[in-house]
Amino acid sequence: MRVAGLGFRKGVSAESLAQVLALVGPYEALATVDAKAQEPGLLNLLKIIQLDLHVISRDRLRAAEVAGEGPARALYGTGSVAESAALAAAGPGARLVVARVKGPDGSTVAAVAEAS
């Protein structure tokens, strides 16, 4: 299974999320950290694309640790919410097939992981 992980700013629009997802290619499900799972923009996107959302706890996000510094490290203990969420949702032995890609407006990041 291919999972697109998402990291984004509070108040993100469904359009911004759709734009970054268009940049990362095919995927069968979405994933993000639990703190972002109820954002209206994400919920609106899910109504449109009708895919499953894997909600990843902060502990699982940290366990799927990826390199990097910045706000994600300070808030969630990982270098990339998008990459860690994708890896955690895809399952043990998953690998990144698309590293983090920033969306056109800078408010979103996506990455794709695939189960081995």
Protein backbone atom coordinates (compact mmCIF):
# COMPACT_ATOMS: atom_id res chain seq x y z
CA MET A 1 0.00 0.00 0.00
CA ARG A 2 1.19 3.54 -0.81
CA VAL A 3 0.41 6.15 1.83
CA ALA A 4 0.78 9.91 1.41
CA GLY A 5 1.79 11.56 4.65
CA LEU A 6 0.78 15.17 5.20
CA GLY A 7 2.20 17.97 7.28
CA PHE A 8 0.56 21.38 7.17
CA ARG A 9 -0.10 24.63 8.95
CA LYS A 10 -3.19 25.26 11.03
CA GLY A 11 -6.01 26.65 8.92
CA VAL A 12 -4.81 24.98 5.71
CA SER A 13 -7.31 24.80 2.85
CA ALA A 14 -8.43 21.67 1.05
CA GLU A 15 -7.10 23.28 -2.13
CA SER A 16 -3.59 23.63 -0.70
CA LEU A 17 -3.61 20.00 0.41
CA ALA A 18 -4.85 18.84 -2.99
CA GLN A 19 -2.10 20.83 -4.71
CA VAL A 20 0.71 19.20 -2.73
CA LEU A 21 -0.82 15.75 -3.16
CA ALA A 22 -0.86 16.27 -6.92
CA LEU A 23 2.93 16.68 -6.76
CA VAL A 24 3.66 13.33 -5.08
CA GLY A 25 1.98 10.90 -7.43
CA PRO A 26 -0.24 7.91 -6.77
CA TYR A 27 -1.25 6.88 -3.25
CA GLU A 28 -4.05 4.82 -1.73
CA ALA A 29 -4.47 6.44 1.69
CA LEU A 30 -3.47 9.53 3.65
CA ALA A 31 -1.80 9.93 7.03
CA THR A 32 -1.07 12.75 9.45
CA VAL A 33 -0.41 13.35 13.12
CA ASP A 34 -3.38 13.20 15.49
CA ALA A 35 -3.05 16.91 16.35
CA LYS A 36 -3.93 17.79 12.74
CA ALA A 37 -6.59 15.19 12.00
CA GLN A 38 -9.58 17.46 12.69
CA GLU A 39 -8.45 20.45 10.64
CA PRO A 40 -11.41 21.63 8.51
CA GLY A 41 -9.32 21.81 5.32
CA LEU A 42 -8.26 18.18 5.71
CA LEU A 43 -11.80 17.03 6.50
CA ASN A 44 -13.09 18.87 3.42
CA LEU A 45 -10.44 17.22 1.26
CA LEU A 46 -11.36 13.77 2.59
CA LYS A 47 -14.99 14.34 1.58
CA ILE A 48 -13.84 15.08 -1.97
CA ILE A 49 -11.26 12.35 -2.53
CA GLN A 50 -12.85 9.70 -0.29
CA LEU A 51 -9.68 8.01 0.94
CA ASP A 52 -8.91 6.56 4.35
CA LEU A 53 -7.00 8.75 6.78
CA HIS A 54 -4.51 7.08 9.12
CA VAL A 55 -4.26 9.17 12.28
CA ILE A 56 -0.80 8.75 13.78
CA SER A 57 -0.08 9.44 17.45
CA ARG A 58 2.94 11.52 18.40
CA ASP A 59 4.57 8.40 19.87
CA ARG A 60 4.21 6.49 16.59
CA LEU A 61 5.43 9.55 14.70
CA ARG A 62 8.57 9.69 16.84
CA ALA A 63 9.11 5.94 16.38
CA ALA A 64 9.19 6.45 12.60
CA GLU A 65 11.92 9.06 13.14
CA VAL A 66 13.32 10.87 10.14
CA ALA A 67 16.16 13.38 9.97
CA GLY A 68 15.64 17.11 9.95
CA GLU A 69 15.35 20.13 12.19
CA GLY A 70 12.79 22.86 12.57
CA PRO A 71 9.24 23.24 13.82
CA ALA A 72 8.33 19.57 13.31
CA ARG A 73 11.23 18.49 15.52
CA ALA A 74 10.24 20.88 18.30
CA LEU A 75 6.51 20.07 18.18
CA TYR A 76 6.44 16.38 17.25
CA GLY A 77 9.92 14.95 17.80
CA THR A 78 10.60 14.18 14.15
CA GLY A 79 12.24 15.94 11.24
CA SER A 80 9.15 15.63 9.04
CA VAL A 81 5.53 15.00 9.99
CA ALA A 82 4.75 14.05 6.38
CA GLU A 83 7.54 11.46 6.07
CA SER A 84 7.07 9.98 9.54
CA ALA A 85 3.28 9.75 9.17
CA ALA A 86 3.61 8.04 5.78
CA LEU A 87 6.14 5.52 7.11
CA ALA A 88 4.14 4.79 10.27
CA ALA A 89 0.90 4.27 8.33
CA ALA A 90 2.50 2.07 5.65
CA GLY A 91 3.71 -0.32 8.35
CA PRO A 92 6.84 -2.16 9.43
CA GLY A 93 9.59 -2.20 6.84
CA ALA A 94 8.01 0.62 4.81
CA ARG A 95 10.26 2.84 2.75
CA LEU A 96 9.90 6.34 1.40
CA VAL A 97 9.26 6.42 -2.34
CA VAL A 98 8.73 10.19 -2.46
CA ALA A 99 10.63 12.34 0.05
CA ARG A 100 9.01 15.45 1.46
CA VAL A 101 7.73 17.89 -1.14
CA LYS A 102 6.58 21.38 -0.23
CA GLY A 103 3.33 22.62 -1.72
CA PRO A 104 3.18 25.69 -3.97
CA ASP A 105 1.95 28.05 -1.25
CA GLY A 106 4.38 26.78 1.40
CA SER A 107 1.69 25.73 3.87
CA THR A 108 1.80 22.01 3.13
CA VAL A 109 4.29 19.14 2.84
CA ALA A 110 3.64 15.63 1.52
CA ALA A 111 5.66 12.44 1.25
CA VAL A 112 4.80 8.92 0.12
CA ALA A 113 5.80 5.63 1.73
CA GLU A 114 5.20 2.12 0.47
CA ALA A 115 4.95 -1.14 2.35
CA SER A 116 7.69 -3.61 1.53
